C-alpha atoms as a PDB file:
ATOM      1  CA  MET A   1       0.052   0.422  -0.117  1.00  0.00           C
ATOM      2  CA  ASP A   2       1.169   3.667  -0.641  1.00  0.00           C
ATOM      3  CA  PHE A   3       0.109   6.680   1.351  1.00  0.00           C
ATOM      4  CA  ASP A   4       0.510  10.043   0.338  1.00  0.00           C
ATOM      5  CA  THR A   5       0.480  12.180   2.473  1.00  0.00           C
ATOM      6  CA  ASN A   6      -1.175  14.723   0.664  1.00  0.00           C
ATOM      7  CA  GLU A   7      -4.396  13.134   1.634  1.00  0.00           C
ATOM      8  CA  LEU A   8      -3.719  11.570   5.249  1.00  0.00           C
ATOM      9  CA  SER A   9      -4.929  14.404   8.453  1.00  0.00           C
ATOM     10  CA  PRO A  10      -1.474  15.344  10.760  1.00  0.00           C
ATOM     11  CA  LYS A  11      -3.064  12.881  12.804  1.00  0.00           C
ATOM     12  CA  GLN A  12      -2.887   9.583  10.358  1.00  0.00           C
ATOM     13  CA  ILE A  13       0.646  10.717   9.252  1.00  0.00           C
ATOM     14  CA  TYR A  14       1.763  10.714  12.831  1.00  0.00           C
ATOM     15  CA  LYS A  15       0.283   7.201  13.641  1.00  0.00           C
ATOM     16  CA  LEU A  16       1.840   5.971  10.215  1.00  0.00           C
ATOM     17  CA  MET A  17       5.730   8.189  11.022  1.00  0.00           C
ATOM     18  CA  THR A  18       5.781   6.599  14.806  1.00  0.00           C
ATOM     19  CA  SER A  19       5.223   3.436  13.776  1.00  0.00           C
ATOM     20  CA  ILE A  20       7.713   3.227  10.721  1.00  0.00           C
ATOM     21  CA  ILE A  21      10.543   5.162  12.706  1.00  0.00           C
ATOM     22  CA  VAL A  22      11.736   3.116  15.798  1.00  0.00           C
ATOM     23  CA  PRO A  23      12.393   2.328  17.898  1.00  0.00           C
ATOM     24  CA  ARG A  24      13.051   5.919  19.532  1.00  0.00           C
ATOM     25  CA  PRO A  25      14.715   6.732  22.531  1.00  0.00           C
ATOM     26  CA  ILE A  26      12.798   8.943  24.978  1.00  0.00           C
ATOM     27  CA  ALA A  27      13.636  12.433  26.410  1.00  0.00           C
ATOM     28  CA  TRP A  28      11.835  12.305  29.625  1.00  0.00           C
ATOM     29  CA  ILE A  29      12.264  16.013  30.049  1.00  0.00           C
ATOM     30  CA  SER A  30      11.682  17.677  33.333  1.00  0.00           C
ATOM     31  CA  THR A  31      11.336  21.633  32.941  1.00  0.00           C
ATOM     32  CA  ILE A  32      10.894  24.887  36.144  1.00  0.00           C
ATOM     33  CA  SER A  33       7.844  27.524  35.003  1.00  0.00           C
ATOM     34  CA  LYS A  34       9.348  31.014  35.662  1.00  0.00           C
ATOM     35  CA  ASP A  35       6.595  30.777  38.553  1.00  0.00           C
ATOM     36  CA  GLY A  36       9.018  27.662  39.770  1.00  0.00           C
ATOM     37  CA  ILE A  37       6.200  25.258  39.134  1.00  0.00           C
ATOM     38  CA  TYR A  38       8.419  21.381  38.612  1.00  0.00           C
ATOM     39  CA  ASN A  39       6.691  19.828  35.102  1.00  0.00           C
ATOM     40  CA  LEU A  40       7.935  16.388  33.883  1.00  0.00           C
ATOM     41  CA  ALA A  41       6.843  14.601  30.738  1.00  0.00           C
ATOM     42  CA  PRO A  42       8.052  12.619  27.842  1.00  0.00           C
ATOM     43  CA  PHE A  43       8.954  12.966  24.098  1.00  0.00           C
ATOM     44  CA  SER A  44      10.025  10.740  21.437  1.00  0.00           C
ATOM     45  CA  TYR A  45      10.929  12.873  18.506  1.00  0.00           C
ATOM     46  CA  PHE A  46      14.323  13.138  20.071  1.00  0.00           C
ATOM     47  CA  ALA A  47      18.226  12.585  18.500  1.00  0.00           C
ATOM     48  CA  GLY A  48      21.153  13.895  18.976  1.00  0.00           C
ATOM     49  CA  VAL A  49      22.576  16.015  16.309  1.00  0.00           C
ATOM     50  CA  SER A  50      26.358  17.538  17.016  1.00  0.00           C
ATOM     51  CA  SER A  51      28.608  16.477  19.244  1.00  0.00           C
ATOM     52  CA  ASP A  52      30.739  20.172  18.729  1.00  0.00           C
ATOM     53  CA  PRO A  53      28.557  21.861  19.817  1.00  0.00           C
ATOM     54  CA  PRO A  54      26.818  19.541  21.999  1.00  0.00           C
ATOM     55  CA  LEU A  55      23.413  20.044  20.396  1.00  0.00           C
ATOM     56  CA  LEU A  56      20.449  17.529  21.442  1.00  0.00           C
ATOM     57  CA  MET A  57      16.940  17.962  19.140  1.00  0.00           C
ATOM     58  CA  VAL A  58      13.077  17.042  20.781  1.00  0.00           C
ATOM     59  CA  SER A  59      10.085  17.920  19.056  1.00  0.00           C
ATOM     60  CA  VAL A  60       7.397  19.405  21.605  1.00  0.00           C
ATOM     61  CA  GLY A  61       3.828  20.065  20.125  1.00  0.00           C
ATOM     62  CA  SER A  62       1.061  22.376  20.975  1.00  0.00           C
ATOM     63  CA  LYS A  63      -1.608  21.179  23.410  1.00  0.00           C
ATOM     64  CA  GLU A  64      -4.049  22.784  21.004  1.00  0.00           C
ATOM     65  CA  LYS A  65      -3.643  25.278  18.421  1.00  0.00           C
ATOM     66  CA  GLY A  66      -1.757  28.409  19.137  1.00  0.00           C
ATOM     67  CA  ILE A  67      -1.193  26.914  23.033  1.00  0.00           C
ATOM     68  CA  LYS A  68       2.130  25.452  23.943  1.00  0.00           C
ATOM     69  CA  LYS A  69       2.257  22.263  25.717  1.00  0.00           C
ATOM     70  CA  ASP A  70       4.230  22.588  28.730  1.00  0.00           C
ATOM     71  CA  THR A  71       6.986  22.165  28.280  1.00  0.00           C
ATOM     72  CA  TRP A  72       7.752  24.122  25.252  1.00  0.00           C
ATOM     73  CA  GLN A  73       6.746  27.379  27.274  1.00  0.00           C
ATOM     74  CA  ASN A  74       8.867  26.584  30.120  1.00  0.00           C
ATOM     75  CA  ILE A  75      11.694  26.409  28.383  1.00  0.00           C
ATOM     76  CA  HIS A  76      10.541  29.270  26.056  1.00  0.00           C
ATOM     77  CA  GLU A  77      11.147  31.417  28.947  1.00  0.00           C
ATOM     78  CA  THR A  78      13.511  30.115  31.501  1.00  0.00           C
ATOM     79  CA  ASP A  79      15.892  29.130  28.419  1.00  0.00           C
ATOM     80  CA  GLN A  80      16.740  25.500  30.637  1.00  0.00           C
ATOM     81  CA  PHE A  81      15.650  22.465  30.719  1.00  0.00           C
ATOM     82  CA  VAL A  82      16.817  18.534  31.653  1.00  0.00           C
ATOM     83  CA  VAL A  83      16.545  15.391  29.660  1.00  0.00           C
ATOM     84  CA  ASN A  84      16.403  12.509  32.130  1.00  0.00           C
ATOM     85  CA  MET A  85      16.518   8.844  30.510  1.00  0.00           C
ATOM     86  CA  VAL A  86      13.744   6.213  31.036  1.00  0.00           C
ATOM     87  CA  THR A  87      14.309   2.367  31.892  1.00  0.00           C
ATOM     88  CA  LYS A  88      12.352  -0.449  32.630  1.00  0.00           C
ATOM     89  CA  GLU A  89      12.177   0.392  36.786  1.00  0.00           C
ATOM     90  CA  LEU A  90      10.485   3.829  36.059  1.00  0.00           C
ATOM     91  CA  LEU A  91       8.385   3.195  32.794  1.00  0.00           C
ATOM     92  CA  ASP A  92       5.063   2.581  35.245  1.00  0.00           C
ATOM     93  CA  LYS A  93       5.954   6.428  36.818  1.00  0.00           C
ATOM     94  CA  MET A  94       6.940   7.852  33.322  1.00  0.00           C
ATOM     95  CA  ASN A  95       3.483   6.961  31.999  1.00  0.00           C
ATOM     96  CA  ILE A  96       1.547   8.693  34.844  1.00  0.00           C
ATOM     97  CA  SER A  97       4.163  12.044  33.998  1.00  0.00           C
ATOM     98  CA  SER A  98       2.827  11.718  29.946  1.00  0.00           C
ATOM     99  CA  VAL A  99      -0.914  12.541  31.647  1.00  0.00           C
ATOM    100  CA  ALA A 100      -1.572  16.389  30.158  1.00  0.00           C
ATOM    101  CA  PHE A 101      -1.902  17.246  33.444  1.00  0.00           C
ATOM    102  CA  ASP A 102      -2.982  21.207  34.111  1.00  0.00           C
ATOM    103  CA  ARG A 103       0.148  23.713  33.861  1.00  0.00           C
ATOM    104  CA  GLU A 104       0.180  24.428  37.736  1.00  0.00           C
ATOM    105  CA  ILE A 105       0.494  20.718  39.092  1.00  0.00           C
ATOM    106  CA  ASN A 106       4.179  18.850  39.781  1.00  0.00           C
ATOM    107  CA  GLU A 107       4.162  16.017  37.741  1.00  0.00           C
ATOM    108  CA  PHE A 108       7.052  14.879  40.275  1.00  0.00           C
ATOM    109  CA  GLU A 109       4.415  14.863  42.755  1.00  0.00           C
ATOM    110  CA  LYS A 110       2.238  12.928  40.454  1.00  0.00           C
ATOM    111  CA  ALA A 111       4.336  10.276  39.846  1.00  0.00           C
ATOM    112  CA  GLY A 112       5.816   9.691  42.858  1.00  0.00           C
ATOM    113  CA  LEU A 113       9.722  11.067  41.989  1.00  0.00           C
ATOM    114  CA  THR A 114      12.313  12.644  43.762  1.00  0.00           C
ATOM    115  CA  PRO A 115      13.557  16.244  42.123  1.00  0.00           C
ATOM    116  CA  LYS A 116      17.100  16.730  42.645  1.00  0.00           C
ATOM    117  CA  LYS A 117      19.437  20.065  42.370  1.00  0.00           C
ATOM    118  CA  ALA A 118      20.838  20.700  39.371  1.00  0.00           C
ATOM    119  CA  ASP A 119      24.349  21.588  39.033  1.00  0.00           C
ATOM    120  CA  ILE A 120      23.789  24.711  36.167  1.00  0.00           C
ATOM    121  CA  VAL A 121      19.977  24.705  35.536  1.00  0.00           C
ATOM    122  CA  LYS A 122      17.170  26.043  37.494  1.00  0.00           C
ATOM    123  CA  ALA A 123      15.131  23.209  36.712  1.00  0.00           C
ATOM    124  CA  PRO A 124      15.513  19.655  38.446  1.00  0.00           C
ATOM    125  CA  LEU A 125      17.226  16.544  37.716  1.00  0.00           C
ATOM    126  CA  VAL A 126      15.210  12.892  38.190  1.00  0.00           C
ATOM    127  CA  ALA A 127      17.019  11.175  40.977  1.00  0.00           C
ATOM    128  CA  GLU A 128      15.894   7.826  39.927  1.00  0.00           C
ATOM    129  CA  SER A 129      16.490   8.187  36.401  1.00  0.00           C
ATOM    130  CA  PRO A 130      20.897   6.802  36.047  1.00  0.00           C
ATOM    131  CA  VAL A 131      21.076   9.401  33.661  1.00  0.00           C
ATOM    132  CA  ASN A 132      20.435  13.006  33.317  1.00  0.00           C
ATOM    133  CA  ILE A 133      21.621  16.133  30.887  1.00  0.00           C
ATOM    134  CA  GLU A 134      21.328  19.662  32.288  1.00  0.00           C
ATOM    135  CA  CYS A 135      20.509  21.511  28.363  1.00  0.00           C
ATOM    136  CA  GLU A 136      20.159  25.211  27.658  1.00  0.00           C
ATOM    137  CA  LYS A 137      17.905  26.192  25.206  1.00  0.00           C
ATOM    138  CA  PHE A 138      19.804  27.126  22.010  1.00  0.00           C
ATOM    139  CA  GLN A 139      17.401  27.769  19.302  1.00  0.00           C
ATOM    140  CA  ILE A 140      13.763  27.042  18.895  1.00  0.00           C
ATOM    141  CA  LEU A 141      12.185  26.210  15.068  1.00  0.00           C
ATOM    142  CA  GLU A 142       8.435  26.671  14.882  1.00  0.00           C
ATOM    143  CA  ILE A 143       7.236  24.479  12.354  1.00  0.00           C
ATOM    144  CA  GLY A 144       3.321  24.332  12.033  1.00  0.00           C
ATOM    145  CA  ASN A 145       2.315  23.542  15.612  1.00  0.00           C
ATOM    146  CA  MET A 146       5.281  21.765  16.408  1.00  0.00           C
ATOM    147  CA  GLY A 147       8.370  23.720  18.656  1.00  0.00           C
ATOM    148  CA  ILE A 148      12.027  21.736  16.949  1.00  0.00           C
ATOM    149  CA  ILE A 149      13.912  22.505  20.441  1.00  0.00           C
ATOM    150  CA  PHE A 150      17.051  22.490  20.321  1.00  0.00           C
ATOM    151  CA  GLY A 151      19.464  22.067  23.190  1.00  0.00           C
ATOM    152  CA  LYS A 152      22.505  23.222  23.944  1.00  0.00           C
ATOM    153  CA  VAL A 153      24.018  19.714  26.650  1.00  0.00           C
ATOM    154  CA  LEU A 154      25.903  21.983  29.468  1.00  0.00           C
ATOM    155  CA  LYS A 155      26.084  19.062  31.759  1.00  0.00           C
ATOM    156  CA  ILE A 156      26.046  15.233  31.992  1.00  0.00           C
ATOM    157  CA  HIS A 157      25.136  12.976  35.175  1.00  0.00           C
ATOM    158  CA  VAL A 158      25.987   9.310  34.876  1.00  0.00           C
ATOM    159  CA  LYS A 159      25.337   6.851  37.377  1.00  0.00           C
ATOM    160  CA  ASN A 160      29.221   5.450  38.215  1.00  0.00           C
ATOM    161  CA  GLU A 161      28.073   1.471  38.193  1.00  0.00           C
ATOM    162  CA  ILE A 162      26.857   2.165  34.394  1.00  0.00           C
ATOM    163  CA  LEU A 163      30.409   2.942  33.083  1.00  0.00           C
ATOM    164  CA  ASN A 164      32.682   1.010  31.261  1.00  0.00           C
ATOM    165  CA  GLU A 165      36.484   0.974  32.217  1.00  0.00           C
ATOM    166  CA  LYS A 166      36.984   3.034  29.331  1.00  0.00           C
ATOM    167  CA  GLY A 167      34.308   5.807  31.364  1.00  0.00           C
ATOM    168  CA  TYR A 168      31.305   5.623  28.794  1.00  0.00           C
ATOM    169  CA  VAL A 169      28.177   4.535  29.497  1.00  0.00           C
ATOM    170  CA  ASP A 170      27.774   0.290  28.746  1.00  0.00           C
ATOM    171  CA  THR A 171      24.811   0.126  27.540  1.00  0.00           C
ATOM    172  CA  THR A 172      24.143  -3.019  28.150  1.00  0.00           C
ATOM    173  CA  LYS A 173      24.039  -2.906  31.974  1.00  0.00           C
ATOM    174  CA  LEU A 174      20.816  -0.817  31.410  1.00  0.00           C
ATOM    175  CA  GLU A 175      17.076  -1.458  30.589  1.00  0.00           C
ATOM    176  CA  ILE A 176      16.425   1.627  28.744  1.00  0.00           C
ATOM    177  CA  VAL A 177      13.046   1.889  27.473  1.00  0.00           C
ATOM    178  CA  GLY A 178      12.330   2.479  23.730  1.00  0.00           C
ATOM    179  CA  ARG A 179       8.944   3.805  22.183  1.00  0.00           C
ATOM    180  CA  LEU A 180       7.018   2.128  19.144  1.00  0.00           C
ATOM    181  CA  GLY A 181       3.920   2.662  17.599  1.00  0.00           C
ATOM    182  CA  GLY A 182       0.892   3.286  19.142  1.00  0.00           C
ATOM    183  CA  ALA A 183       1.193   2.202  22.930  1.00  0.00           C
ATOM    184  CA  ASN A 184       4.279  -0.658  21.917  1.00  0.00           C
ATOM    185  CA  TYR A 185       7.188   0.506  23.739  1.00  0.00           C
ATOM    186  CA  CYS A 186      10.864  -1.809  23.840  1.00  0.00           C
ATOM    187  CA  ILE A 187      13.452  -2.706  26.368  1.00  0.00           C
ATOM    188  CA  ILE A 188      17.009  -2.821  25.387  1.00  0.00           C
ATOM    189  CA  SER A 189      18.657  -4.829  27.266  1.00  0.00           C
ATOM    190  CA  LYS A 190      22.046  -7.044  27.243  1.00  0.00           C
ATOM    191  CA  GLU A 191      20.195 -10.253  25.974  1.00  0.00           C
ATOM    192  CA  ASN A 192      18.757  -8.200  22.541  1.00  0.00           C
ATOM    193  CA  THR A 193      21.718  -6.379  21.677  1.00  0.00           C
ATOM    194  CA  PHE A 194      24.467  -7.780  19.197  1.00  0.00           C
ATOM    195  CA  GLU A 195      27.716  -5.899  17.869  1.00  0.00           C
ATOM    196  CA  VAL A 196      28.337  -5.315  14.624  1.00  0.00           C
ATOM    197  CA  ARG A 197      32.193  -3.720  13.911  1.00  0.00           C
ATOM    198  CA  ARG A 198      32.470  -1.529  10.795  1.00  0.00           C
ATOM    199  CA  PRO A 199      34.507  -3.161   8.199  1.00  0.00           C
ATOM    200  CA  ASP A 200      37.351  -1.752   7.544  1.00  0.00           C
ATOM    201  CA  LEU A 201      38.506  -1.066   3.818  1.00  0.00           C
END
């Protein structure tokens, strides 16, 4: 079957794209509003885009036309955010934080999570997450009803027990959650990963 995007609604296109572009890492983004209220929400249109300068990208939608989601609004107003990684143990709490709570609701409290003071930014870390990335807003591109947010990585926090002998993260020591299409997720674990070395010329 062929799909002409000119004949599909944005919702149909979203469902098609998110069932094809898989698995997607989840940026569990914590922010703070200008009034000091913590916000936490997951987004799977997320990727690293540059290491010099160190930049990552996350795409955040609107609640409705013309009204930004709280994450987007907070980053727009405070210029700061934290990306926290989601593991299998945190999946249920991440799912709670995906609910469209009112702006004055603290998702940390709703999900039973611990906000931890960051070293540089005002937004909190998720203490239970094994990896936290402190970011400052680099640029926001508004495309349609989406905000494509580029964040400059300022500091990366990694729990010691998941580092390898070279000082990098050993992803086989984690059970990182990936997003698939619909309500489906996957677990990236040692049992379902394998190594393929690049051939020499």
